[in-house]
Every structure is written in C-alpha cells, then in structure tokens.
PDB file of N, CA and C in Angstrom:
ATOM      1  N   MET A   1       0.369  11.372  12.151  1.00  0.00           N
ATOM      2  CA  MET A   1      -0.008  12.306  11.120  1.00  0.00           C
ATOM      3  C   MET A   1      -0.525  11.508   9.925  1.00  0.00           C
ATOM      4  N   VAL A   2      -1.561  12.030   9.283  1.00  0.00           N
ATOM      5  CA  VAL A   2      -2.100  11.435   8.066  1.00  0.00           C
ATOM      6  C   VAL A   2      -2.043  12.482   6.962  1.00  0.00           C
ATOM      7  N   THR A   3      -2.376  12.080   5.740  1.00  0.00           N
ATOM      8  CA  THR A   3      -2.139  12.982   4.609  1.00  0.00           C
ATOM      9  C   THR A   3      -3.354  13.769   4.138  1.00  0.00           C
ATOM     10  N   SER A   4      -4.551  13.429   4.622  1.00  0.00           N
ATOM     11  CA  SER A   4      -5.721  14.138   4.108  1.00  0.00           C
ATOM     12  C   SER A   4      -6.797  14.306   5.173  1.00  0.00           C
ATOM     13  N   GLU A   5      -7.686  15.247   4.912  1.00  0.00           N
ATOM     14  CA  GLU A   5      -8.798  15.484   5.830  1.00  0.00           C
ATOM     15  C   GLU A   5      -9.671  14.240   5.978  1.00  0.00           C
ATOM     16  N   SER A   6      -9.861  13.485   4.907  1.00  0.00           N
ATOM     17  CA  SER A   6     -10.750  12.319   4.971  1.00  0.00           C
ATOM     18  C   SER A   6     -10.249  11.260   5.957  1.00  0.00           C
ATOM     19  N   GLU A   7      -8.958  11.228   6.241  1.00  0.00           N
ATOM     20  CA  GLU A   7      -8.384  10.285   7.205  1.00  0.00           C
ATOM     21  C   GLU A   7      -8.290  10.873   8.609  1.00  0.00           C
ATOM     22  N   ALA A   8      -8.443  12.181   8.732  1.00  0.00           N
ATOM     23  CA  ALA A   8      -8.102  12.892   9.965  1.00  0.00           C
ATOM     24  C   ALA A   8      -9.260  13.017  10.942  1.00  0.00           C
ATOM     25  N   ASP A   9      -8.900  13.140  12.213  1.00  0.00           N
ATOM     26  CA  ASP A   9      -9.835  13.512  13.274  1.00  0.00           C
ATOM     27  C   ASP A   9      -9.563  14.933  13.737  1.00  0.00           C
ATOM     28  N   ILE A  10      -8.300  15.347  13.618  1.00  0.00           N
ATOM     29  CA  ILE A  10      -7.855  16.645  14.117  1.00  0.00           C
ATOM     30  C   ILE A  10      -7.056  17.354  13.029  1.00  0.00           C
ATOM     31  N   VAL A  11      -7.281  18.654  12.907  1.00  0.00           N
ATOM     32  CA  VAL A  11      -6.507  19.491  11.994  1.00  0.00           C
ATOM     33  C   VAL A  11      -5.748  20.496  12.847  1.00  0.00           C
ATOM     34  N   TRP A  12      -4.465  20.643  12.563  1.00  0.00           N
ATOM     35  CA  TRP A  12      -3.619  21.549  13.332  1.00  0.00           C
ATOM     36  C   TRP A  12      -2.977  22.533  12.371  1.00  0.00           C
ATOM     37  N   TRP A  13      -2.962  23.799  12.720  1.00  0.00           N
ATOM     38  CA  TRP A  13      -2.256  24.797  11.928  1.00  0.00           C
ATOM     39  C   TRP A  13      -0.789  24.691  12.298  1.00  0.00           C
ATOM     40  N   ASP A  14       0.096  24.576  11.320  1.00  0.00           N
ATOM     41  CA  ASP A  14       1.503  24.296  11.624  1.00  0.00           C
ATOM     42  C   ASP A  14       2.216  25.419  12.363  1.00  0.00           C
ATOM     43  N   ASP A  15       1.623  26.592  12.438  1.00  0.00           N
ATOM     44  CA  ASP A  15       2.218  27.654  13.250  1.00  0.00           C
ATOM     45  C   ASP A  15       1.685  27.623  14.687  1.00  0.00           C
ATOM     46  N   ALA A  16       0.937  26.560  15.020  1.00  0.00           N
ATOM     47  CA  ALA A  16       0.407  26.317  16.372  1.00  0.00           C
ATOM     48  C   ALA A  16      -0.608  27.360  16.826  1.00  0.00           C
ATOM     49  N   SER A  17      -1.221  28.053  15.888  1.00  0.00           N
ATOM     50  CA  SER A  17      -2.191  29.076  16.261  1.00  0.00           C
ATOM     51  C   SER A  17      -3.579  28.516  16.561  1.00  0.00           C
ATOM     52  N   HIS A  18      -3.863  27.289  16.076  1.00  0.00           N
ATOM     53  CA  HIS A  18      -5.243  26.816  16.177  1.00  0.00           C
ATOM     54  C   HIS A  18      -5.315  25.332  15.846  1.00  0.00           C
ATOM     55  N   SER A  19      -6.364  24.675  16.306  1.00  0.00           N
ATOM     56  CA  SER A  19      -6.674  23.304  15.902  1.00  0.00           C
ATOM     57  C   SER A  19      -8.182  23.175  15.775  1.00  0.00           C
ATOM     58  N   ALA A  20      -8.621  22.146  15.064  1.00  0.00           N
ATOM     59  CA  ALA A  20     -10.051  21.907  14.864  1.00  0.00           C
ATOM     60  C   ALA A  20     -10.292  20.401  14.777  1.00  0.00           C
ATOM     61  N   LEU A  21     -11.538  20.000  15.040  1.00  0.00           N
ATOM     62  CA  LEU A  21     -11.956  18.613  14.873  1.00  0.00           C
ATOM     63  C   LEU A  21     -12.709  18.494  13.562  1.00  0.00           C
ATOM     64  N   THR A  22     -12.433  17.443  12.815  1.00  0.00           N
ATOM     65  CA  THR A  22     -13.206  17.205  11.599  1.00  0.00           C
ATOM     66  C   THR A  22     -14.581  16.678  11.991  1.00  0.00           C
ATOM     67  N   THR A  23     -15.513  16.711  11.062  1.00  0.00           N
ATOM     68  CA  THR A  23     -16.854  16.175  11.281  1.00  0.00           C
ATOM     69  C   THR A  23     -17.129  15.120  10.209  1.00  0.00           C
ATOM     70  N   VAL A  24     -18.304  14.531  10.237  1.00  0.00           N
ATOM     71  CA  VAL A  24     -18.655  13.544   9.219  1.00  0.00           C
ATOM     72  C   VAL A  24     -18.883  14.197   7.859  1.00  0.00           C
ATOM     73  N   THR A  25     -19.039  15.508   7.835  1.00  0.00           N
ATOM     74  CA  THR A  25     -19.226  16.248   6.588  1.00  0.00           C
ATOM     75  C   THR A  25     -17.884  16.795   6.126  1.00  0.00           C
ATOM     76  N   SER A  26     -17.447  16.372   4.953  1.00  0.00           N
ATOM     77  CA  SER A  26     -16.172  16.829   4.423  1.00  0.00           C
ATOM     78  C   SER A  26     -16.151  18.358   4.319  1.00  0.00           C
ATOM     79  N   GLY A  27     -15.053  18.958   4.787  1.00  0.00           N
ATOM     80  CA  GLY A  27     -14.904  20.408   4.707  1.00  0.00           C
ATOM     81  C   GLY A  27     -15.578  21.185   5.814  1.00  0.00           C
ATOM     82  N   VAL A  28     -16.225  20.496   6.751  1.00  0.00           N
ATOM     83  CA  VAL A  28     -16.862  21.159   7.890  1.00  0.00           C
ATOM     84  C   VAL A  28     -16.139  20.716   9.156  1.00  0.00           C
ATOM     85  N   TRP A  29     -15.646  21.693   9.921  1.00  0.00           N
ATOM     86  CA  TRP A  29     -14.869  21.425  11.118  1.00  0.00           C
ATOM     87  C   TRP A  29     -15.509  22.095  12.322  1.00  0.00           C
ATOM     88  N   THR A  30     -15.133  21.648  13.506  1.00  0.00           N
ATOM     89  CA  THR A  30     -15.586  22.240  14.761  1.00  0.00           C
ATOM     90  C   THR A  30     -14.362  22.737  15.521  1.00  0.00           C
ATOM     91  N   SER A  31     -14.426  23.980  15.967  1.00  0.00           N
ATOM     92  CA  SER A  31     -13.310  24.515  16.746  1.00  0.00           C
ATOM     93  C   SER A  31     -13.793  25.621  17.669  1.00  0.00           C
ATOM     94  N   LYS A  32     -12.955  25.946  18.639  1.00  0.00           N
ATOM     95  CA  LYS A  32     -13.238  27.024  19.579  1.00  0.00           C
ATOM     96  C   LYS A  32     -12.372  28.208  19.180  1.00  0.00           C
ATOM     97  N   TRP A  33     -12.960  29.346  19.042  1.00  0.00           N
ATOM     98  CA  TRP A  33     -12.241  30.529  18.601  1.00  0.00           C
ATOM     99  C   TRP A  33     -11.889  31.381  19.806  1.00  0.00           C
ATOM    100  N   GLN A  34     -10.691  31.221  20.314  1.00  0.00           N
ATOM    101  CA  GLN A  34     -10.163  31.935  21.474  1.00  0.00           C
ATOM    102  C   GLN A  34     -11.170  31.914  22.615  1.00  0.00           C
ATOM    103  N   ASN A  35     -11.636  33.039  23.088  1.00  0.00           N
ATOM    104  CA  ASN A  35     -12.580  33.083  24.205  1.00  0.00           C
ATOM    105  C   ASN A  35     -14.032  32.976  23.755  1.00  0.00           C
ATOM    106  N   GLY A  36     -14.240  32.789  22.477  1.00  0.00           N
ATOM    107  CA  GLY A  36     -15.591  32.702  21.935  1.00  0.00           C
ATOM    108  C   GLY A  36     -16.189  31.312  22.069  1.00  0.00           C
ATOM    109  N   PRO A  37     -17.294  31.084  21.373  1.00  0.00           N
ATOM    110  CA  PRO A  37     -18.009  29.812  21.479  1.00  0.00           C
ATOM    111  C   PRO A  37     -17.353  28.712  20.650  1.00  0.00           C
ATOM    112  N   LEU A  38     -17.795  27.492  20.855  1.00  0.00           N
ATOM    113  CA  LEU A  38     -17.453  26.366  20.007  1.00  0.00           C
ATOM    114  C   LEU A  38     -18.236  26.547  18.710  1.00  0.00           C
ATOM    115  N   VAL A  39     -17.535  26.506  17.573  1.00  0.00           N
ATOM    116  CA  VAL A  39     -18.162  26.859  16.300  1.00  0.00           C
ATOM    117  C   VAL A  39     -17.986  25.723  15.294  1.00  0.00           C
ATOM    118  N   GLN A  40     -19.055  25.371  14.587  1.00  0.00           N
ATOM    119  CA  GLN A  40     -18.945  24.458  13.448  1.00  0.00           C
ATOM    120  C   GLN A  40     -18.923  25.319  12.195  1.00  0.00           C
ATOM    121  N   HIS A  41     -17.914  25.114  11.349  1.00  0.00           N
ATOM    122  CA  HIS A  41     -17.694  26.045  10.243  1.00  0.00           C
ATOM    123  C   HIS A  41     -17.082  25.326   9.042  1.00  0.00           C
ATOM    124  N   ASP A  42     -17.196  25.944   7.879  1.00  0.00           N
ATOM    125  CA  ASP A  42     -16.481  25.443   6.711  1.00  0.00           C
ATOM    126  C   ASP A  42     -14.994  25.585   6.968  1.00  0.00           C
ATOM    127  N   TRP A  43     -14.209  24.718   6.375  1.00  0.00           N
ATOM    128  CA  TRP A  43     -12.773  24.667   6.662  1.00  0.00           C
ATOM    129  C   TRP A  43     -12.075  26.004   6.420  1.00  0.00           C
ATOM    130  N   ASP A  44     -12.546  26.762   5.449  1.00  0.00           N
ATOM    131  CA  ASP A  44     -11.879  28.017   5.122  1.00  0.00           C
ATOM    132  C   ASP A  44     -12.632  29.248   5.643  1.00  0.00           C
ATOM    133  N   ASP A  45     -13.671  29.022   6.474  1.00  0.00           N
ATOM    134  CA  ASP A  45     -14.452  30.121   7.039  1.00  0.00           C
ATOM    135  C   ASP A  45     -14.110  30.266   8.521  1.00  0.00           C
ATOM    136  N   GLN A  46     -12.896  30.710   8.797  1.00  0.00           N
ATOM    137  CA  GLN A  46     -12.415  30.912  10.158  1.00  0.00           C
ATOM    138  C   GLN A  46     -11.259  31.910  10.093  1.00  0.00           C
ATOM    139  N   PRO A  47     -10.907  32.516  11.213  1.00  0.00           N
ATOM    140  CA  PRO A  47      -9.932  33.618  11.195  1.00  0.00           C
ATOM    141  C   PRO A  47      -8.459  33.192  11.233  1.00  0.00           C
ATOM    142  N   TYR A  48      -8.154  31.906  11.076  1.00  0.00           N
ATOM    143  CA  TYR A  48      -6.782  31.438  11.274  1.00  0.00           C
ATOM    144  C   TYR A  48      -6.024  31.143   9.990  1.00  0.00           C
ATOM    145  N   GLY A  49      -6.634  31.347   8.848  1.00  0.00           N
ATOM    146  CA  GLY A  49      -5.963  31.087   7.583  1.00  0.00           C
ATOM    147  C   GLY A  49      -6.212  29.677   7.078  1.00  0.00           C
ATOM    148  N   SER A  50      -5.871  29.444   5.830  1.00  0.00           N
ATOM    149  CA  SER A  50      -6.157  28.143   5.226  1.00  0.00           C
ATOM    150  C   SER A  50      -4.900  27.478   4.671  1.00  0.00           C
ATOM    151  N   THR A  51      -3.735  27.895   5.141  1.00  0.00           N
ATOM    152  CA  THR A  51      -2.495  27.257   4.716  1.00  0.00           C
ATOM    153  C   THR A  51      -1.792  26.650   5.926  1.00  0.00           C
ATOM    154  N   GLY A  52      -0.867  25.761   5.660  1.00  0.00           N
ATOM    155  CA  GLY A  52      -0.094  25.140   6.733  1.00  0.00           C
ATOM    156  C   GLY A  52      -0.902  24.194   7.587  1.00  0.00           C
ATOM    157  N   LEU A  53      -1.882  23.515   7.006  1.00  0.00           N
ATOM    158  CA  LEU A  53      -2.724  22.597   7.766  1.00  0.00           C
ATOM    159  C   LEU A  53      -2.055  21.219   7.851  1.00  0.00           C
ATOM    160  N   VAL A  54      -2.066  20.639   9.040  1.00  0.00           N
ATOM    161  CA  VAL A  54      -1.502  19.316   9.274  1.00  0.00           C
ATOM    162  C   VAL A  54      -2.624  18.448   9.836  1.00  0.00           C
ATOM    163  N   TYR A  55      -2.776  17.234   9.301  1.00  0.00           N
ATOM    164  CA  TYR A  55      -3.887  16.360   9.667  1.00  0.00           C
ATOM    165  C   TYR A  55      -3.399  15.214  10.553  1.00  0.00           C
ATOM    166  N   TYR A  56      -4.170  14.943  11.617  1.00  0.00           N
ATOM    167  CA  TYR A  56      -3.835  13.862  12.530  1.00  0.00           C
ATOM    168  C   TYR A  56      -5.038  12.963  12.754  1.00  0.00           C
ATOM    169  N   LYS A  57      -4.771  11.710  13.028  1.00  0.00           N
ATOM    170  CA  LYS A  57      -5.792  10.753  13.430  1.00  0.00           C
ATOM    171  C   LYS A  57      -5.554  10.440  14.896  1.00  0.00           C
ATOM    172  N   ARG A  58      -6.597  10.568  15.710  1.00  0.00           N
ATOM    173  CA  ARG A  58      -6.465  10.209  17.120  1.00  0.00           C
ATOM    174  C   ARG A  58      -6.249   8.712  17.224  1.00  0.00           C
ATOM    175  N   CYS A  59      -5.351   8.341  18.078  1.00  0.00           N
ATOM    176  CA  CYS A  59      -5.026   6.933  18.190  1.00  0.00           C
ATOM    177  C   CYS A  59      -4.593   6.632  19.620  1.00  0.00           C
ATOM    178  N   PHE A  60      -5.132   5.583  20.190  1.00  0.00           N
ATOM    179  CA  PHE A  60      -4.720   5.133  21.512  1.00  0.00           C
ATOM    180  C   PHE A  60      -4.820   3.614  21.542  1.00  0.00           C
ATOM    181  N   HIS A  61      -3.768   2.973  22.014  1.00  0.00           N
ATOM    182  CA  HIS A  61      -3.782   1.521  22.182  1.00  0.00           C
ATOM    183  C   HIS A  61      -3.337   1.172  23.589  1.00  0.00           C
ATOM    184  N   ARG A  62      -4.076   0.290  24.242  1.00  0.00           N
ATOM    185  CA  ARG A  62      -3.669  -0.269  25.532  1.00  0.00           C
ATOM    186  C   ARG A  62      -3.265  -1.711  25.269  1.00  0.00           C
ATOM    187  N   ILE A  63      -2.021  -2.022  25.575  1.00  0.00           N
ATOM    188  CA  ILE A  63      -1.481  -3.353  25.338  1.00  0.00           C
ATOM    189  C   ILE A  63      -1.307  -4.030  26.688  1.00  0.00           C
ATOM    190  N   THR A  64      -1.931  -5.195  26.868  1.00  0.00           N
ATOM    191  CA  THR A  64      -1.793  -5.948  28.111  1.00  0.00           C
ATOM    192  C   THR A  64      -1.442  -7.393  27.772  1.00  0.00           C
ATOM    193  N   GLY A  65      -0.906  -8.100  28.756  1.00  0.00           N
ATOM    194  CA  GLY A  65      -0.634  -9.524  28.568  1.00  0.00           C
ATOM    195  C   GLY A  65       0.721  -9.789  27.945  1.00  0.00           C
ATOM    196  N   ILE A  66       0.786 -10.804  27.111  1.00  0.00           N
ATOM    197  CA  ILE A  66       2.046 -11.261  26.537  1.00  0.00           C
ATOM    198  C   ILE A  66       2.170 -10.771  25.100  1.00  0.00           C
ATOM    199  N   ILE A  67       3.282 -10.141  24.811  1.00  0.00           N
ATOM    200  CA  ILE A  67       3.606  -9.790  23.425  1.00  0.00           C
ATOM    201  C   ILE A  67       4.459 -10.930  22.907  1.00  0.00           C
ATOM    202  N   SER A  68       3.943 -11.666  21.921  1.00  0.00           N
ATOM    203  CA  SER A  68       4.621 -12.882  21.465  1.00  0.00           C
ATOM    204  C   SER A  68       5.119 -12.784  20.031  1.00  0.00           C
ATOM    205  N   SER A  69       4.981 -11.618  19.417  1.00  0.00           N
ATOM    206  CA  SER A  69       5.545 -11.410  18.079  1.00  0.00           C
ATOM    207  C   SER A  69       6.046  -9.971  18.002  1.00  0.00           C
ATOM    208  N   ASN A  70       6.919  -9.698  17.038  1.00  0.00           N
ATOM    209  CA  ASN A  70       7.447  -8.345  16.894  1.00  0.00           C
ATOM    210  C   ASN A  70       6.294  -7.365  16.796  1.00  0.00           C
ATOM    211  N   TYR A  71       6.475  -6.171  17.338  1.00  0.00           N
ATOM    212  CA  TYR A  71       5.399  -5.187  17.436  1.00  0.00           C
ATOM    213  C   TYR A  71       5.934  -3.837  17.002  1.00  0.00           C
ATOM    214  N   ASN A  72       5.176  -3.149  16.157  1.00  0.00           N
ATOM    215  CA  ASN A  72       5.561  -1.820  15.698  1.00  0.00           C
ATOM    216  C   ASN A  72       4.337  -0.919  15.751  1.00  0.00           C
ATOM    217  N   GLU A  73       4.473   0.238  16.374  1.00  0.00           N
ATOM    218  CA  GLU A  73       3.364   1.188  16.487  1.00  0.00           C
ATOM    219  C   GLU A  73       3.876   2.565  16.119  1.00  0.00           C
ATOM    220  N   ASP A  74       3.208   3.213  15.157  1.00  0.00           N
ATOM    221  CA  ASP A  74       3.588   4.558  14.740  1.00  0.00           C
ATOM    222  C   ASP A  74       2.487   5.539  15.099  1.00  0.00           C
ATOM    223  N   HIS A  75       2.870   6.664  15.663  1.00  0.00           N
ATOM    224  CA  HIS A  75       1.991   7.822  15.825  1.00  0.00           C
ATOM    225  C   HIS A  75       0.760   7.551  16.671  1.00  0.00           C
ATOM    226  N   CYS A  76       0.943   6.860  17.775  1.00  0.00           N
ATOM    227  CA  CYS A  76      -0.177   6.605  18.684  1.00  0.00           C
ATOM    228  C   CYS A  76       0.240   6.871  20.115  1.00  0.00           C
ATOM    229  N   LYS A  77      -0.765   7.137  20.931  1.00  0.00           N
ATOM    230  CA  LYS A  77      -0.563   7.093  22.370  1.00  0.00           C
ATOM    231  C   LYS A  77      -0.662   5.618  22.746  1.00  0.00           C
ATOM    232  N   VAL A  78       0.295   5.112  23.502  1.00  0.00           N
ATOM    233  CA  VAL A  78       0.317   3.686  23.810  1.00  0.00           C
ATOM    234  C   VAL A  78       0.503   3.501  25.307  1.00  0.00           C
ATOM    235  N   GLU A  79      -0.318   2.625  25.880  1.00  0.00           N
ATOM    236  CA  GLU A  79      -0.136   2.228  27.268  1.00  0.00           C
ATOM    237  C   GLU A  79       0.187   0.743  27.296  1.00  0.00           C
ATOM    238  N   PHE A  80       1.349   0.394  27.847  1.00  0.00           N
ATOM    239  CA  PHE A  80       1.697  -0.990  28.105  1.00  0.00           C
ATOM    240  C   PHE A  80       1.387  -1.244  29.564  1.00  0.00           C
ATOM    241  N   GLU A  81       0.473  -2.180  29.833  1.00  0.00           N
ATOM    242  CA  GLU A  81       0.050  -2.433  31.212  1.00  0.00           C
ATOM    243  C   GLU A  81       0.218  -3.905  31.540  1.00  0.00           C
ATOM    244  N   ASP A  82       1.055  -4.184  32.532  1.00  0.00           N
ATOM    245  CA  ASP A  82       1.304  -5.560  32.976  1.00  0.00           C
ATOM    246  C   ASP A  82       1.592  -6.463  31.778  1.00  0.00           C
ATOM    247  N   ILE A  83       2.703  -6.193  31.116  1.00  0.00           N
ATOM    248  CA  ILE A  83       3.030  -6.960  29.910  1.00  0.00           C
ATOM    249  C   ILE A  83       4.269  -7.825  30.120  1.00  0.00           C
ATOM    250  N   THR A  84       4.354  -8.843  29.318  1.00  0.00           N
ATOM    251  CA  THR A  84       5.544  -9.678  29.203  1.00  0.00           C
ATOM    252  C   THR A  84       5.917  -9.721  27.738  1.00  0.00           C
ATOM    253  N   ILE A  85       7.174  -9.406  27.460  1.00  0.00           N
ATOM    254  CA  ILE A  85       7.657  -9.443  26.079  1.00  0.00           C
ATOM    255  C   ILE A  85       8.528 -10.685  25.946  1.00  0.00           C
ATOM    256  N   ALA A  86       8.148 -11.583  25.043  1.00  0.00           N
ATOM    257  CA  ALA A  86       8.838 -12.857  24.864  1.00  0.00           C
ATOM    258  C   ALA A  86      10.269 -12.643  24.367  1.00  0.00           C
ATOM    259  N   ASP A  87      11.100 -13.663  24.564  1.00  0.00           N
ATOM    260  CA  ASP A  87      12.516 -13.617  24.187  1.00  0.00           C
ATOM    261  C   ASP A  87      12.712 -13.237  22.730  1.00  0.00           C
ATOM    262  N   GLY A  88      13.731 -12.405  22.488  1.00  0.00           N
ATOM    263  CA  GLY A  88      14.209 -12.130  21.139  1.00  0.00           C
ATOM    264  C   GLY A  88      13.348 -11.224  20.272  1.00  0.00           C
ATOM    265  N   LEU A  89      12.325 -10.592  20.827  1.00  0.00           N
ATOM    266  CA  LEU A  89      11.437  -9.773  20.015  1.00  0.00           C
ATOM    267  C   LEU A  89      11.940  -8.346  19.866  1.00  0.00           C
ATOM    268  N   ILE A  90      11.411  -7.672  18.860  1.00  0.00           N
ATOM    269  CA  ILE A  90      11.672  -6.251  18.651  1.00  0.00           C
ATOM    270  C   ILE A  90      10.344  -5.522  18.831  1.00  0.00           C
ATOM    271  N   VAL A  91      10.307  -4.586  19.778  1.00  0.00           N
ATOM    272  CA  VAL A  91       9.116  -3.778  20.029  1.00  0.00           C
ATOM    273  C   VAL A  91       9.500  -2.328  19.769  1.00  0.00           C
ATOM    274  N   VAL A  92       8.861  -1.706  18.776  1.00  0.00           N
ATOM    275  CA  VAL A  92       9.176  -0.334  18.388  1.00  0.00           C
ATOM    276  C   VAL A  92       7.917   0.507  18.533  1.00  0.00           C
ATOM    277  N   VAL A  93       8.020   1.611  19.260  1.00  0.00           N
ATOM    278  CA  VAL A  93       6.910   2.552  19.390  1.00  0.00           C
ATOM    279  C   VAL A  93       7.447   3.934  19.062  1.00  0.00           C
ATOM    280  N   GLU A  94       6.917   4.534  18.000  1.00  0.00           N
ATOM    281  CA  GLU A  94       7.251   5.908  17.631  1.00  0.00           C
ATOM    282  C   GLU A  94       6.012   6.731  17.946  1.00  0.00           C
ATOM    283  N   PHE A  95       6.099   7.577  18.956  1.00  0.00           N
ATOM    284  CA  PHE A  95       4.893   8.215  19.480  1.00  0.00           C
ATOM    285  C   PHE A  95       4.829   9.699  19.156  1.00  0.00           C
ATOM    286  N   GLU A  96       3.610  10.199  19.069  1.00  0.00           N
ATOM    287  CA  GLU A  96       3.361  11.625  18.852  1.00  0.00           C
ATOM    288  C   GLU A  96       3.243  12.373  20.170  1.00  0.00           C
ATOM    289  N   ASP A  97       2.692  11.725  21.191  1.00  0.00           N
ATOM    290  CA  ASP A  97       2.331  12.427  22.411  1.00  0.00           C
ATOM    291  C   ASP A  97       2.945  11.767  23.645  1.00  0.00           C
ATOM    292  N   TRP A  98       2.560  10.523  23.938  1.00  0.00           N
ATOM    293  CA  TRP A  98       3.086   9.862  25.124  1.00  0.00           C
ATOM    294  C   TRP A  98       2.998   8.350  25.013  1.00  0.00           C
ATOM    295  N   VAL A  99       3.849   7.701  25.825  1.00  0.00           N
ATOM    296  CA  VAL A  99       3.823   6.253  26.027  1.00  0.00           C
ATOM    297  C   VAL A  99       3.847   6.037  27.533  1.00  0.00           C
ATOM    298  N   LEU A 100       2.985   5.156  28.027  1.00  0.00           N
ATOM    299  CA  LEU A 100       2.909   4.874  29.454  1.00  0.00           C
ATOM    300  C   LEU A 100       3.272   3.414  29.689  1.00  0.00           C
ATOM    301  N   LEU A 101       4.250   3.173  30.565  1.00  0.00           N
ATOM    302  CA  LEU A 101       4.559   1.832  31.031  1.00  0.00           C
ATOM    303  C   LEU A 101       3.968   1.737  32.422  1.00  0.00           C
ATOM    304  N   ASP A 102       2.999   0.846  32.615  1.00  0.00           N
ATOM    305  CA  ASP A 102       2.237   0.793  33.855  1.00  0.00           C
ATOM    306  C   ASP A 102       2.240  -0.629  34.399  1.00  0.00           C
ATOM    307  N   GLY A 103       2.329  -0.767  35.713  1.00  0.00           N
ATOM    308  CA  GLY A 103       2.308  -2.094  36.311  1.00  0.00           C
ATOM    309  C   GLY A 103       3.642  -2.783  36.116  1.00  0.00           C
ATOM    310  N   THR A 104       3.614  -4.078  35.890  1.00  0.00           N
ATOM    311  CA  THR A 104       4.817  -4.873  35.731  1.00  0.00           C
ATOM    312  C   THR A 104       5.124  -5.056  34.252  1.00  0.00           C
ATOM    313  N   VAL A 105       6.347  -4.716  33.880  1.00  0.00           N
ATOM    314  CA  VAL A 105       6.800  -4.922  32.511  1.00  0.00           C
ATOM    315  C   VAL A 105       7.963  -5.911  32.585  1.00  0.00           C
ATOM    316  N   THR A 106       7.753  -7.115  32.049  1.00  0.00           N
ATOM    317  CA  THR A 106       8.764  -8.161  32.071  1.00  0.00           C
ATOM    318  C   THR A 106       9.303  -8.330  30.663  1.00  0.00           C
ATOM    319  N   VAL A 107      10.632  -8.238  30.539  1.00  0.00           N
ATOM    320  CA  VAL A 107      11.264  -8.279  29.228  1.00  0.00           C
ATOM    321  C   VAL A 107      12.131  -9.528  29.151  1.00  0.00           C
ATOM    322  N   GLY A 108      11.913 -10.329  28.090  1.00  0.00           N
ATOM    323  CA  GLY A 108      12.688 -11.557  27.899  1.00  0.00           C
ATOM    324  C   GLY A 108      14.106 -11.281  27.433  1.00  0.00           C
ATOM    325  N   ASN A 109      14.891 -12.346  27.278  1.00  0.00           N
ATOM    326  CA  ASN A 109      16.278 -12.241  26.827  1.00  0.00           C
ATOM    327  C   ASN A 109      16.346 -11.776  25.382  1.00  0.00           C
ATOM    328  N   GLY A 110      17.269 -10.866  25.106  1.00  0.00           N
ATOM    329  CA  GLY A 110      17.511 -10.429  23.735  1.00  0.00           C
ATOM    330  C   GLY A 110      16.425  -9.544  23.152  1.00  0.00           C
ATOM    331  N   VAL A 111      15.588  -8.957  23.973  1.00  0.00           N
ATOM    332  CA  VAL A 111      14.501  -8.097  23.495  1.00  0.00           C
ATOM    333  C   VAL A 111      15.046  -6.708  23.180  1.00  0.00           C
ATOM    334  N   THR A 112      14.584  -6.134  22.074  1.00  0.00           N
ATOM    335  CA  THR A 112      14.866  -4.738  21.759  1.00  0.00           C
ATOM    336  C   THR A 112      13.592  -3.956  22.002  1.00  0.00           C
ATOM    337  N   LEU A 113      13.629  -3.011  22.942  1.00  0.00           N
ATOM    338  CA  LEU A 113      12.485  -2.156  23.245  1.00  0.00           C
ATOM    339  C   LEU A 113      12.896  -0.739  22.880  1.00  0.00           C
ATOM    340  N   ASP A 114      12.344  -0.222  21.785  1.00  0.00           N
ATOM    341  CA  ASP A 114      12.745   1.076  21.227  1.00  0.00           C
ATOM    342  C   ASP A 114      11.537   2.006  21.285  1.00  0.00           C
ATOM    343  N   ILE A 115      11.556   2.961  22.215  1.00  0.00           N
ATOM    344  CA  ILE A 115      10.467   3.924  22.370  1.00  0.00           C
ATOM    345  C   ILE A 115      11.057   5.310  22.148  1.00  0.00           C
ATOM    346  N   GLN A 116      10.540   6.008  21.147  1.00  0.00           N
ATOM    347  CA  GLN A 116      11.113   7.315  20.802  1.00  0.00           C
ATOM    348  C   GLN A 116      10.057   8.217  20.212  1.00  0.00           C
ATOM    349  N   PRO A 117      10.276   9.534  20.327  1.00  0.00           N
ATOM    350  CA  PRO A 117       9.323  10.463  19.719  1.00  0.00           C
ATOM    351  C   PRO A 117       9.342  10.340  18.202  1.00  0.00           C
ATOM    352  N   GLY A 118       8.160  10.521  17.618  1.00  0.00           N
ATOM    353  CA  GLY A 118       8.068  10.509  16.157  1.00  0.00           C
ATOM    354  C   GLY A 118       8.600  11.795  15.563  1.00  0.00           C
ATOM    355  N   PRO A 119       8.705  11.841  14.247  1.00  0.00           N
ATOM    356  CA  PRO A 119       9.205  13.054  13.608  1.00  0.00           C
ATOM    357  C   PRO A 119       8.238  14.208  13.788  1.00  0.00           C
ATOM    358  N   THR A 120       8.769  15.403  13.870  1.00  0.00           N
ATOM    359  CA  THR A 120       7.939  16.592  13.980  1.00  0.00           C
ATOM    360  C   THR A 120       7.972  17.345  12.664  1.00  0.00           C
ATOM    361  N   ASN A 121       6.930  18.114  12.441  1.00  0.00           N
ATOM    362  CA  ASN A 121       6.862  18.883  11.191  1.00  0.00           C
ATOM    363  C   ASN A 121       7.248  20.305  11.449  1.00  0.00           C
TER     364      ASN A 121
END
C-alpha cells in the first residue's frame, strides 16, 4: 500500500466494490464498470463513490541464487527460486498477495525466515 495516487498503480475502494488502474495523467483512471466496457475516466466521474480509496503499487520480485545479506521485503509478490540463504541471516517478507517458494530452497544455520501476510485495512 502507498499513500497517494502519484505513487500508485492500482486504486481500490475499501468496501471492495471496485478497483481502477491509474494512468500517466493525474486524476484519470481506467476501470471496468461491471458488465460494461473498459472506461477511462476522471477519478470522481464513476458510479462507485469517491471516499474510502486505498492506493497500491504493483510489485513483484523474483529472487534467485544466494542471499548473502539480511533481506526485507514489504508489500510485494515474491518468488524465491532455487535459493541459498547464508548462515545467520534474517529474511523477512511481509506480503500483500502471495509468496512462492520454488525449486530448491537451502537454508543455512541460524537463519530466520519470516514470511507473513501484511497488515490489512
């Protein structure tokens, strides 16, 4: 989650009624209105209301190889693929959607691997 439209890729209505994609033009969003067409519109020119808006930035990281220093990731989709985590490290992933452990994951001695859902609004 981010704090403003200028940082966001996605806008979500906190009552889960609707979402929209931001565009390069501030205040202009693209969304699909139920069974209707995909519409580009001013942020407040749509039938879902203009309060309770939550802003998100799309984020995805694929981590491969050796993790050799402490690692912290907030609010991203993360894929760990064929990784080795060196001894004694702390790896923290707080995710919004999902984390994928794929292939071989080798964990050294004394490693803390903390994967948990992020806070919800």
